[in-house]
Protein backbone atom coordinates (compact mmCIF):
# COMPACT_ATOMS: atom_id res chain seq x y z
CA UNK A 1 44.29 2.49 -30.10
CA UNK A 2 45.35 1.05 -33.43
CA UNK A 3 43.12 1.97 -36.33
CA UNK A 4 42.13 -0.17 -39.27
CA UNK A 5 44.67 1.52 -41.51
CA UNK A 6 47.59 1.00 -39.15
CA UNK A 7 46.82 -2.69 -38.76
CA UNK A 8 46.37 -3.47 -42.45
CA UNK A 9 48.92 -5.78 -44.09
CA UNK A 10 49.82 -3.13 -46.67
CA UNK A 11 50.47 -0.53 -43.96
CA UNK A 12 52.51 -2.99 -41.92
CA UNK A 13 54.61 -3.84 -44.99
CA UNK A 14 55.15 -0.15 -45.78
CA UNK A 15 56.02 0.57 -42.14
CA UNK A 16 58.57 -2.24 -42.17
CA UNK A 17 60.00 -0.93 -45.45
CA UNK A 18 60.46 2.55 -43.95
CA UNK A 19 61.92 1.06 -40.76
CA UNK A 20 64.47 -0.83 -42.87
CA UNK A 21 65.42 2.39 -44.66
CA UNK A 22 65.92 4.13 -41.31
CA UNK A 23 68.18 1.30 -40.11
CA UNK A 24 70.25 1.62 -43.29
CA UNK A 25 70.49 5.37 -42.67
CA UNK A 26 71.59 4.78 -39.08
CA UNK A 27 74.23 2.27 -40.17
CA UNK A 28 75.50 4.69 -42.81
CA UNK A 29 75.72 7.56 -40.32
CA UNK A 30 77.73 5.33 -37.99
CA UNK A 31 80.08 4.67 -40.92
CA UNK A 32 80.53 8.44 -41.25
CA UNK A 33 78.48 9.04 -44.39
CA UNK A 34 76.58 12.30 -44.84
CA UNK A 35 72.98 12.68 -46.03
CA UNK A 36 73.96 13.27 -49.64
CA UNK A 37 76.09 10.13 -49.81
CA UNK A 38 73.42 8.04 -48.07
CA UNK A 39 70.78 9.31 -50.48
CA UNK A 40 72.98 8.40 -53.46
CA UNK A 41 73.38 4.89 -52.04
CA UNK A 42 69.62 4.57 -51.61
CA UNK A 43 69.00 5.84 -55.16
CA UNK A 44 71.34 3.11 -56.40
CA UNK A 45 69.23 0.49 -54.64
CA UNK A 46 65.72 1.99 -54.74
CA UNK A 47 65.86 4.19 -57.79
CA UNK A 48 64.63 7.75 -57.90
CA UNK A 49 62.01 6.94 -55.25
CA UNK A 50 64.62 7.15 -52.51
CA UNK A 51 63.17 9.55 -49.92
CA UNK A 52 65.62 12.48 -49.49
CA UNK A 53 63.47 14.11 -46.78
CA UNK A 54 63.52 10.88 -44.79
CA UNK A 55 67.29 10.64 -45.19
CA UNK A 56 67.83 14.18 -43.92
CA UNK A 57 65.41 13.76 -41.02
CA UNK A 58 66.95 10.51 -39.80
CA UNK A 59 70.57 11.55 -40.39
CA UNK A 60 69.90 14.50 -38.09
CA UNK A 61 68.12 12.32 -35.54
CA UNK A 62 70.90 9.71 -35.45
CA UNK A 63 73.57 12.41 -35.35
CA UNK A 64 71.82 13.91 -32.33
CA UNK A 65 71.96 10.56 -30.56
CA UNK A 66 68.65 8.94 -31.40
CA UNK A 67 68.98 5.18 -31.13
CA UNK A 68 65.39 4.00 -31.65
CA UNK A 69 64.38 3.80 -35.30
CA UNK A 70 60.64 3.38 -34.69
CA UNK A 71 58.24 6.16 -35.60
CA UNK A 72 56.97 8.09 -32.62
CA UNK A 73 53.21 8.06 -32.13
CA UNK A 74 51.43 11.04 -33.59
CA UNK A 75 48.19 12.52 -32.34
CA UNK A 76 45.14 12.90 -34.52
CA UNK A 77 43.47 10.75 -37.06
CA UNK A 78 45.36 8.90 -39.78
CA UNK A 79 46.09 10.62 -43.05
CA UNK A 80 43.50 9.69 -45.66
CA UNK A 81 46.26 9.03 -48.21
CA UNK A 82 47.32 5.98 -46.19
CA UNK A 83 44.58 3.73 -47.49
CA UNK A 84 45.29 0.10 -48.27
CA UNK A 85 44.73 0.66 -51.98
CA UNK A 86 47.12 3.63 -52.10
CA UNK A 87 49.81 1.81 -50.16
CA UNK A 88 49.41 -1.28 -52.33
CA UNK A 89 49.71 0.84 -55.48
CA UNK A 90 52.91 2.44 -54.21
CA UNK A 91 54.42 -0.91 -53.26
CA UNK A 92 53.53 -2.38 -56.66
CA UNK A 93 55.00 0.65 -58.38
CA UNK A 94 58.21 0.35 -56.38
CA UNK A 95 58.56 -3.35 -57.13
CA UNK A 96 57.85 -2.77 -60.84
CA UNK A 97 60.70 -0.26 -61.01
CA UNK A 98 63.27 -2.78 -59.83
């Protein structure tokens, strides 16, 4: 069942943003780049907000053969930090930094 938070426009935009980052990571791994190099590339594009933990996680996943870049469903209730207002604030902050 999809909750209110997961179906909000802000959450969908953020989810798409993270999906795009994972696809870039996958493409970079295929090109033979390591996590450090990929992170530097992302910092060049996204600034200091480039998510190093995400890079490491997905470099490992792709290197181990993962092809699907979608998040896997997680049990439990949504994290309270993923409220529309918080997500919107982060997205505004990211766009202001560009």
